[in-house]
Protein backbone atom coordinates (compact mmCIF):
# COMPACT_ATOMS: atom_id res chain seq x y z
CA MET A 1 -29.63 -80.57 -75.44
CA ASN A 2 -25.91 -80.96 -76.06
CA PHE A 3 -23.81 -78.18 -77.58
CA LEU A 4 -23.67 -79.62 -81.11
CA GLU A 5 -27.48 -79.93 -81.19
CA LEU A 6 -27.77 -76.33 -79.99
CA ALA A 7 -25.32 -75.13 -82.66
CA LYS A 8 -27.23 -77.00 -85.38
CA GLU A 9 -30.62 -75.63 -84.29
CA ARG A 10 -29.56 -71.97 -84.04
CA TYR A 11 -30.25 -69.94 -87.17
CA SER A 12 -30.48 -66.26 -88.12
CA CYS A 13 -34.12 -65.38 -87.48
CA LYS A 14 -35.13 -62.65 -89.92
CA SER A 15 -38.76 -62.32 -88.87
CA MET A 16 -39.51 -61.60 -85.22
CA ASP A 17 -42.97 -61.27 -83.68
CA GLY A 18 -42.15 -57.99 -81.90
CA ARG A 19 -42.17 -59.32 -78.34
CA ARG A 20 -39.44 -58.10 -76.00
CA VAL A 21 -37.16 -60.66 -74.38
CA GLU A 22 -38.12 -61.13 -70.73
CA LYS A 23 -35.74 -59.48 -68.24
CA GLU A 24 -34.86 -62.79 -66.58
CA LYS A 25 -33.77 -64.30 -69.90
CA LEU A 26 -32.03 -61.12 -71.03
CA ASP A 27 -30.04 -61.04 -67.80
CA LEU A 28 -28.89 -64.64 -68.38
CA ILE A 29 -27.92 -63.81 -71.97
CA LEU A 30 -25.92 -60.78 -70.83
CA GLU A 31 -24.29 -62.83 -68.08
CA ALA A 32 -23.17 -65.42 -70.65
CA GLY A 33 -21.47 -62.59 -72.53
CA ARG A 34 -19.84 -61.34 -69.36
CA TRP A 35 -18.23 -64.75 -68.84
CA ALA A 36 -16.88 -65.02 -72.39
CA PRO A 37 -13.09 -65.17 -72.60
CA THR A 38 -11.24 -62.09 -73.84
CA ALA A 39 -7.52 -61.58 -74.47
CA LYS A 40 -5.71 -61.09 -71.16
CA ASN A 41 -9.21 -60.97 -69.61
CA LEU A 42 -9.37 -57.25 -70.45
CA GLN A 43 -13.16 -57.43 -70.95
CA GLY A 44 -13.24 -54.47 -73.32
CA GLN A 45 -16.73 -55.28 -74.58
CA ARG A 46 -19.51 -52.75 -74.23
CA ILE A 47 -23.07 -53.98 -74.62
CA TYR A 48 -25.91 -51.53 -75.15
CA VAL A 49 -29.41 -52.93 -74.69
CA VAL A 50 -31.77 -51.15 -77.08
CA GLU A 51 -35.47 -51.60 -76.29
CA SER A 52 -36.94 -48.08 -76.18
CA GLU A 53 -38.99 -46.79 -79.11
CA GLU A 54 -36.41 -44.02 -79.58
CA GLY A 55 -33.50 -46.46 -79.57
CA LEU A 56 -35.19 -48.89 -81.97
CA ALA A 57 -35.98 -45.96 -84.30
CA LYS A 58 -32.26 -45.16 -84.32
CA ILE A 59 -31.49 -48.77 -85.23
CA ASP A 60 -34.01 -48.50 -88.07
CA LYS A 61 -32.25 -45.35 -89.33
CA VAL A 62 -28.95 -47.20 -89.81
CA THR A 63 -30.12 -50.63 -91.01
CA PRO A 64 -33.17 -52.26 -92.59
CA CYS A 65 -32.26 -55.46 -90.73
CA ARG A 66 -33.96 -55.15 -87.33
CA TYR A 67 -36.59 -57.64 -88.53
CA ASN A 68 -39.18 -56.43 -85.99
CA SER A 69 -37.01 -57.35 -83.01
CA ALA A 70 -38.00 -55.45 -79.86
CA THR A 71 -34.68 -56.20 -78.12
CA VAL A 72 -31.42 -55.37 -79.88
CA LEU A 73 -27.94 -55.58 -78.39
CA LEU A 74 -25.40 -53.14 -79.79
CA VAL A 75 -22.04 -54.83 -79.25
CA ALA A 76 -18.98 -52.60 -79.19
CA TRP A 77 -15.52 -52.60 -77.68
CA ASN A 78 -13.35 -50.07 -75.92
CA LYS A 79 -10.31 -49.41 -78.13
CA GLU A 80 -8.27 -48.58 -75.02
CA GLU A 81 -8.89 -52.01 -73.47
CA VAL A 82 -7.29 -54.28 -76.07
CA PHE A 83 -4.22 -56.46 -76.25
CA THR A 84 -1.95 -55.69 -79.20
CA TYR A 85 -0.49 -58.79 -80.80
CA PRO A 86 3.11 -59.28 -81.97
CA GLY A 87 3.77 -57.30 -85.13
CA GLU A 88 1.43 -54.59 -83.80
CA GLU A 89 -0.90 -54.91 -86.80
CA ARG A 90 -3.78 -56.55 -84.94
CA ASP A 91 -5.40 -56.22 -81.56
CA SER A 92 -8.00 -58.12 -79.60
CA GLY A 93 -10.88 -55.61 -79.85
CA ALA A 94 -13.07 -57.18 -82.54
CA GLU A 95 -12.03 -60.66 -81.49
CA GLY A 96 -13.11 -60.24 -77.87
CA ALA A 97 -16.40 -58.56 -78.77
CA THR A 98 -17.10 -61.35 -81.29
CA ILE A 99 -16.56 -64.05 -78.67
CA VAL A 100 -18.86 -62.16 -76.27
CA ALA A 101 -21.55 -61.80 -78.97
CA THR A 102 -21.31 -65.48 -79.87
CA HIS A 103 -21.73 -66.52 -76.24
CA MET A 104 -24.83 -64.33 -75.98
CA MET A 105 -26.26 -65.60 -79.25
CA LEU A 106 -25.88 -69.25 -78.24
CA SER A 107 -27.10 -68.57 -74.70
CA ALA A 108 -30.20 -66.97 -76.19
CA LYS A 109 -30.93 -70.09 -78.24
CA SER A 110 -30.51 -72.28 -75.15
CA LEU A 111 -33.22 -70.15 -73.49
CA GLY A 112 -35.63 -70.38 -76.44
CA VAL A 113 -34.79 -66.91 -77.76
CA ASP A 114 -33.93 -66.51 -81.43
CA SER A 115 -31.38 -64.07 -82.77
CA CYS A 116 -29.87 -62.53 -85.86
CA TRP A 117 -26.32 -61.21 -86.12
CA VAL A 118 -26.43 -57.95 -88.08
CA ASN A 119 -23.43 -56.25 -89.68
CA PHE A 120 -25.38 -54.43 -92.41
CA PHE A 121 -24.80 -50.87 -91.21
CA ASP A 122 -22.26 -48.06 -91.40
CA PRO A 123 -20.37 -48.17 -88.07
CA ALA A 124 -19.75 -44.40 -88.11
CA LYS A 125 -23.47 -43.66 -88.56
CA LEU A 126 -24.38 -46.11 -85.79
CA ALA A 127 -21.82 -44.55 -83.44
CA LYS A 128 -23.17 -41.09 -84.22
CA GLU A 129 -26.84 -42.11 -83.72
CA PHE A 130 -26.04 -43.57 -80.29
CA ASP A 131 -23.41 -40.97 -79.40
CA LEU A 132 -20.86 -43.67 -78.63
CA PRO A 133 -17.66 -42.43 -77.01
CA GLU A 134 -14.75 -41.93 -79.43
CA ASN A 135 -12.82 -44.74 -77.74
CA GLU A 136 -15.54 -47.29 -78.59
CA GLU A 137 -16.09 -49.09 -81.87
CA ALA A 138 -19.33 -50.84 -82.80
CA LEU A 139 -18.91 -54.44 -83.95
CA MET A 140 -22.44 -55.64 -84.58
CA LEU A 141 -26.10 -55.62 -83.65
CA LEU A 142 -27.69 -58.73 -82.16
CA ASN A 143 -31.44 -58.88 -82.69
CA LEU A 144 -33.14 -60.96 -80.02
CA GLY A 145 -36.70 -62.18 -79.85
CA TYR A 146 -39.23 -64.77 -80.85
CA PRO A 147 -39.97 -65.89 -84.40
CA ALA A 148 -43.00 -64.56 -86.22
CA GLU A 149 -45.41 -67.09 -87.65
CA GLY A 150 -43.82 -68.79 -90.64
CA ALA A 151 -40.26 -67.78 -89.72
CA GLY A 152 -37.54 -70.35 -90.04
CA PRO A 153 -34.06 -71.03 -91.26
CA LEU A 154 -32.99 -70.69 -94.87
CA ALA A 155 -33.60 -73.78 -96.99
CA ASN A 156 -29.87 -74.53 -97.08
CA HIS A 157 -29.38 -74.08 -93.30
CA GLY A 158 -28.53 -77.73 -92.73
CA THR A 159 -26.10 -77.94 -95.62
CA ARG A 160 -22.42 -77.94 -94.65
CA LYS A 161 -19.24 -78.64 -96.56
CA PRO A 162 -17.47 -81.83 -95.52
CA LEU A 163 -14.77 -81.32 -92.90
CA GLU A 164 -12.17 -82.35 -95.50
CA GLU A 165 -12.91 -79.10 -97.39
CA THR A 166 -12.54 -76.82 -94.42
CA VAL A 167 -10.07 -78.58 -92.11
CA LYS A 168 -6.46 -79.50 -92.87
CA TYR A 169 -4.16 -81.46 -90.61
CA ILE A 170 -0.59 -80.22 -90.91
C-alpha cells in the first residue's frame, strides 16, 4: 500500500474490541516514533505505554475517550529539550511530540492496528494522575487497538475540501 492509500484508510477508531496490541507490533510502532524528525534532533518526546488495569483506570478518570482501548500511549515532551524559535514566543516541544505521535499513528495503521488521537482531557489532571515530572508536558493520548464489531469511520471520512480551498501558491 502506498502512503496516500494508507493516509486515506486511517481513521479515528472510537470503538475498540479491548485486545492489547501485540508486543512485536507495539515495538515497531514505538520505533517509528523514535525515528520521527524533531527540531535539532533533540528528541524531547516522552512516550508512556499504558496497559495495566491501574494505568487504564487513570486514563478513564481524566477522559471518557479511551473507547475500550487496552493499549494507550501517553505522548509528552520534555520542556528542557526544546529548540526556541526566533522571537522566543514558540518552541519545538508540541511540534516534535506531534510529529512523533503522527509517525506512530500511521505506523500502527500500516501494521493493521487502529488508533484514535485524544486531546479531550485536562493536561494538569493527566500529569497529576501519572505523576509526570514538572519538566514534562502531556500532548495527547493515542489509543491503539483493533476495531470492535461495527466500528468504522465517520460517514464524512472520505469528504475533503478541494486543494484550491486549502492551498495557495504565492
